[in-house]
Amino acid sequence: MGALSPTHWMIVIGILVLLFGAKRLPDAARSLGRSARILKAEVRDMSGEETAADATPAPPAAVTGPAPVTATAAATVTPAEAPASGAARDPVQ
């Protein structure tokens, strides 16, 4: 007795369709594929291999400091926007 013949595979597939239904089999296969991809990615991460996306360095981002507060920006605070304590606070600290 060797490998399963095409007739044997047809019988196995027919039994699976009868047990689980035609709707659930594609969903189960899709779920199994996702699980295999996740497992493969986790094994790759654990072994320390880099993927092609990880191997290419990201372009450096432009580093800029915070925008300076100018006198005109500080002077635009109206009395209605002033703190309720009565004392006007300097917005630049």
N, C-alpha and C. Protein backbone atom coordinates (compact mmCIF):
# COMPACT_ATOMS: atom_id res chain seq x y z
N MET A 1 0.85 -1.17 0.00
CA MET A 1 0.00 0.00 0.00
C MET A 1 0.89 1.23 0.00
N GLY A 2 0.75 2.04 -0.98
CA GLY A 2 1.55 3.25 -1.10
C GLY A 2 0.74 4.48 -0.72
N ALA A 3 0.94 5.53 -1.46
CA ALA A 3 0.24 6.79 -1.23
C ALA A 3 -1.23 6.64 -1.60
N LEU A 4 -2.00 7.61 -1.17
CA LEU A 4 -3.44 7.59 -1.47
C LEU A 4 -3.66 7.89 -2.96
N SER A 5 -4.55 7.14 -3.56
CA SER A 5 -4.87 7.35 -4.96
C SER A 5 -5.90 8.49 -5.07
N PRO A 6 -6.12 9.02 -6.27
CA PRO A 6 -7.11 10.08 -6.43
C PRO A 6 -8.51 9.69 -5.95
N THR A 7 -8.86 8.42 -6.06
CA THR A 7 -10.16 7.95 -5.58
C THR A 7 -10.24 8.09 -4.06
N HIS A 8 -9.15 7.73 -3.38
CA HIS A 8 -9.13 7.86 -1.92
C HIS A 8 -9.26 9.33 -1.50
N TRP A 9 -8.55 10.23 -2.23
CA TRP A 9 -8.64 11.65 -1.90
C TRP A 9 -10.06 12.18 -2.10
N MET A 10 -10.75 11.74 -3.13
CA MET A 10 -12.13 12.16 -3.38
C MET A 10 -13.04 11.72 -2.24
N ILE A 11 -12.84 10.51 -1.74
CA ILE A 11 -13.64 10.01 -0.62
C ILE A 11 -13.37 10.84 0.64
N VAL A 12 -12.11 11.13 0.90
CA VAL A 12 -11.76 11.94 2.08
C VAL A 12 -12.37 13.34 1.97
N ILE A 13 -12.27 13.96 0.79
CA ILE A 13 -12.84 15.30 0.59
C ILE A 13 -14.37 15.25 0.73
N GLY A 14 -15.00 14.22 0.19
CA GLY A 14 -16.46 14.08 0.34
C GLY A 14 -16.88 13.95 1.79
N ILE A 15 -16.14 13.19 2.58
CA ILE A 15 -16.47 13.04 4.00
C ILE A 15 -16.29 14.37 4.73
N LEU A 16 -15.23 15.11 4.40
CA LEU A 16 -15.01 16.41 5.03
C LEU A 16 -16.13 17.39 4.71
N VAL A 17 -16.58 17.39 3.45
CA VAL A 17 -17.69 18.28 3.06
C VAL A 17 -18.96 17.89 3.80
N LEU A 18 -19.21 16.59 3.94
CA LEU A 18 -20.41 16.16 4.68
C LEU A 18 -20.33 16.52 6.16
N LEU A 19 -19.16 16.40 6.75
CA LEU A 19 -19.02 16.71 8.18
C LEU A 19 -19.07 18.20 8.48
N PHE A 20 -18.34 18.99 7.70
CA PHE A 20 -18.21 20.41 8.04
C PHE A 20 -19.05 21.33 7.17
N GLY A 21 -19.48 20.90 6.03
CA GLY A 21 -20.27 21.75 5.15
C GLY A 21 -19.37 22.54 4.21
N ALA A 22 -19.93 22.92 3.08
CA ALA A 22 -19.16 23.62 2.04
C ALA A 22 -18.77 25.03 2.48
N LYS A 23 -19.53 25.64 3.36
CA LYS A 23 -19.24 27.01 3.80
C LYS A 23 -18.06 27.05 4.77
N ARG A 24 -17.98 26.10 5.65
CA ARG A 24 -16.95 26.14 6.69
C ARG A 24 -15.58 25.70 6.22
N LEU A 25 -15.49 24.90 5.18
CA LEU A 25 -14.19 24.41 4.70
C LEU A 25 -13.29 25.54 4.18
N PRO A 26 -13.78 26.46 3.33
CA PRO A 26 -12.90 27.56 2.89
C PRO A 26 -12.48 28.46 4.05
N ASP A 27 -13.39 28.70 4.98
CA ASP A 27 -13.05 29.51 6.15
C ASP A 27 -11.97 28.83 6.99
N ALA A 28 -12.08 27.53 7.15
CA ALA A 28 -11.09 26.78 7.92
C ALA A 28 -9.73 26.80 7.21
N ALA A 29 -9.73 26.66 5.90
CA ALA A 29 -8.48 26.69 5.14
C ALA A 29 -7.84 28.08 5.22
N ARG A 30 -8.66 29.13 5.14
CA ARG A 30 -8.16 30.50 5.25
C ARG A 30 -7.56 30.74 6.63
N SER A 31 -8.23 30.27 7.66
CA SER A 31 -7.73 30.41 9.02
C SER A 31 -6.43 29.64 9.22
N LEU A 32 -6.36 28.47 8.64
CA LEU A 32 -5.13 27.67 8.73
C LEU A 32 -3.97 28.38 8.02
N GLY A 33 -4.24 29.01 6.89
CA GLY A 33 -3.21 29.76 6.17
C GLY A 33 -2.71 30.96 6.96
N ARG A 34 -3.63 31.69 7.59
CA ARG A 34 -3.23 32.83 8.43
C ARG A 34 -2.37 32.36 9.59
N SER A 35 -2.78 31.28 10.21
CA SER A 35 -2.01 30.75 11.35
C SER A 35 -0.61 30.34 10.91
N ALA A 36 -0.50 29.74 9.73
CA ALA A 36 0.81 29.33 9.23
C ALA A 36 1.69 30.55 8.96
N ARG A 37 1.11 31.63 8.39
CA ARG A 37 1.89 32.85 8.15
C ARG A 37 2.36 33.47 9.45
N ILE A 38 1.49 33.51 10.46
CA ILE A 38 1.87 34.07 11.76
C ILE A 38 2.98 33.25 12.39
N LEU A 39 2.84 31.93 12.33
CA LEU A 39 3.87 31.05 12.89
C LEU A 39 5.20 31.26 12.17
N LYS A 40 5.17 31.36 10.86
CA LYS A 40 6.39 31.57 10.08
C LYS A 40 7.04 32.90 10.45
N ALA A 41 6.24 33.95 10.62
CA ALA A 41 6.79 35.26 10.99
C ALA A 41 7.41 35.22 12.39
N GLU A 42 6.75 34.55 13.32
CA GLU A 42 7.28 34.46 14.68
C GLU A 42 8.58 33.67 14.72
N VAL A 43 8.64 32.58 13.96
CA VAL A 43 9.87 31.78 13.92
C VAL A 43 11.00 32.61 13.33
N ARG A 44 10.70 33.39 12.27
CA ARG A 44 11.70 34.23 11.64
C ARG A 44 12.19 35.29 12.63
N ASP A 45 11.27 35.90 13.40
CA ASP A 45 11.65 36.90 14.39
C ASP A 45 12.51 36.29 15.49
N MET A 46 12.17 35.09 15.91
CA MET A 46 12.93 34.44 16.98
C MET A 46 14.33 34.06 16.51
N SER A 47 14.48 33.71 15.24
CA SER A 47 15.79 33.30 14.75
C SER A 47 16.68 34.49 14.43
N GLY A 48 16.11 35.69 14.42
CA GLY A 48 16.89 36.90 14.21
C GLY A 48 17.10 37.28 12.77
N GLU A 49 16.43 36.62 11.87
CA GLU A 49 16.55 36.97 10.46
C GLU A 49 15.81 38.28 10.19
N GLU A 50 16.37 39.05 9.27
CA GLU A 50 15.71 40.29 8.88
C GLU A 50 14.97 40.08 7.57
N THR A 51 13.83 40.71 7.46
CA THR A 51 13.11 40.66 6.20
C THR A 51 13.63 41.75 5.30
N ALA A 52 13.23 41.76 4.06
CA ALA A 52 13.70 42.78 3.11
C ALA A 52 13.26 44.17 3.57
N ALA A 53 12.09 44.30 4.15
CA ALA A 53 11.62 45.60 4.62
C ALA A 53 12.44 46.07 5.82
N ASP A 54 12.86 45.16 6.68
CA ASP A 54 13.66 45.54 7.84
C ASP A 54 15.08 45.87 7.45
N ALA A 55 15.60 45.29 6.37
CA ALA A 55 16.99 45.48 5.99
C ALA A 55 17.24 46.86 5.39
N THR A 56 16.23 47.44 4.75
CA THR A 56 16.42 48.76 4.16
C THR A 56 16.19 49.82 5.22
N PRO A 57 17.17 50.71 5.41
CA PRO A 57 17.00 51.73 6.45
C PRO A 57 15.97 52.76 6.02
N ALA A 58 15.26 53.27 6.98
CA ALA A 58 14.27 54.29 6.72
C ALA A 58 14.98 55.62 6.49
N PRO A 59 14.46 56.46 5.62
CA PRO A 59 15.10 57.76 5.40
C PRO A 59 15.01 58.58 6.68
N PRO A 60 16.06 59.36 6.98
CA PRO A 60 16.03 60.13 8.22
C PRO A 60 14.96 61.21 8.15
N ALA A 61 14.27 61.37 9.23
CA ALA A 61 13.22 62.38 9.31
C ALA A 61 13.86 63.72 9.62
N ALA A 62 13.27 64.76 9.11
CA ALA A 62 13.78 66.10 9.40
C ALA A 62 13.50 66.42 10.86
N VAL A 63 14.54 66.72 11.59
CA VAL A 63 14.40 67.02 13.00
C VAL A 63 14.33 68.52 13.17
N THR A 64 13.21 68.97 13.67
CA THR A 64 13.05 70.39 13.92
C THR A 64 12.60 70.56 15.35
N GLY A 65 12.96 71.63 15.93
CA GLY A 65 12.56 71.94 17.30
C GLY A 65 11.17 72.52 17.31
N PRO A 66 10.67 72.82 18.48
CA PRO A 66 9.35 73.44 18.56
C PRO A 66 9.39 74.84 17.96
N ALA A 67 8.28 75.25 17.44
CA ALA A 67 8.20 76.57 16.83
C ALA A 67 8.38 77.63 17.92
N PRO A 68 9.19 78.62 17.68
CA PRO A 68 9.41 79.65 18.70
C PRO A 68 8.15 80.49 18.87
N VAL A 69 7.93 80.91 20.08
CA VAL A 69 6.78 81.76 20.39
C VAL A 69 7.23 83.19 20.19
N THR A 70 6.53 83.88 19.33
CA THR A 70 6.88 85.26 19.07
C THR A 70 6.05 86.19 19.93
N ALA A 71 6.44 87.42 19.98
CA ALA A 71 5.71 88.40 20.78
C ALA A 71 4.30 88.59 20.25
N THR A 72 4.11 88.48 18.95
CA THR A 72 2.77 88.66 18.40
C THR A 72 1.88 87.49 18.77
N ALA A 73 2.43 86.30 18.86
CA ALA A 73 1.62 85.15 19.25
C ALA A 73 1.23 85.26 20.72
N ALA A 74 2.14 85.75 21.57
CA ALA A 74 1.84 85.89 22.99
C ALA A 74 0.88 87.04 23.23
N ALA A 75 0.91 88.04 22.38
CA ALA A 75 0.06 89.21 22.57
C ALA A 75 -1.35 88.98 22.10
N THR A 76 -1.65 87.86 21.45
CA THR A 76 -2.99 87.63 20.91
C THR A 76 -3.95 87.09 21.95
N VAL A 77 -3.51 86.90 23.20
CA VAL A 77 -4.40 86.42 24.24
C VAL A 77 -5.32 87.56 24.65
N THR A 78 -6.60 87.34 24.52
CA THR A 78 -7.57 88.37 24.89
C THR A 78 -7.94 88.21 26.36
N PRO A 79 -8.51 89.23 26.96
CA PRO A 79 -8.91 89.12 28.37
C PRO A 79 -9.90 87.98 28.62
N ALA A 80 -10.70 87.63 27.63
CA ALA A 80 -11.65 86.54 27.80
C ALA A 80 -10.92 85.20 27.88
N GLU A 81 -9.72 85.11 27.28
CA GLU A 81 -8.96 83.87 27.30
C GLU A 81 -8.00 83.81 28.48
N ALA A 82 -7.91 84.87 29.25
CA ALA A 82 -6.99 84.91 30.38
C ALA A 82 -7.45 83.94 31.45
N PRO A 83 -6.55 83.46 32.31
CA PRO A 83 -6.92 82.53 33.36
C PRO A 83 -7.94 83.17 34.33
N ALA A 84 -8.77 82.32 34.92
CA ALA A 84 -9.83 82.80 35.80
C ALA A 84 -9.30 83.30 37.13
N SER A 85 -8.04 83.05 37.46
CA SER A 85 -7.51 83.47 38.76
C SER A 85 -7.32 84.95 38.86
N GLY A 86 -7.45 85.68 37.77
CA GLY A 86 -7.31 87.12 37.81
C GLY A 86 -5.91 87.56 37.43
N ALA A 87 -4.92 86.74 37.69
CA ALA A 87 -3.55 87.10 37.34
C ALA A 87 -3.25 86.57 35.95
N ALA A 88 -2.79 87.46 35.09
CA ALA A 88 -2.45 87.04 33.73
C ALA A 88 -1.14 86.28 33.78
N ARG A 89 -1.12 85.12 33.18
CA ARG A 89 0.08 84.31 33.15
C ARG A 89 0.82 84.53 31.85
N ASP A 90 2.13 84.41 31.88
CA ASP A 90 2.94 84.51 30.70
C ASP A 90 2.85 83.18 29.98
N PRO A 91 2.41 83.13 28.71
CA PRO A 91 2.29 81.84 28.02
C PRO A 91 3.64 81.20 27.73
N VAL A 92 4.72 81.98 27.74
CA VAL A 92 6.04 81.45 27.49
C VAL A 92 6.73 81.24 28.83
N GLN A 93 7.07 80.00 29.13
CA GLN A 93 7.74 79.76 30.42
C GLN A 93 9.02 79.07 30.24
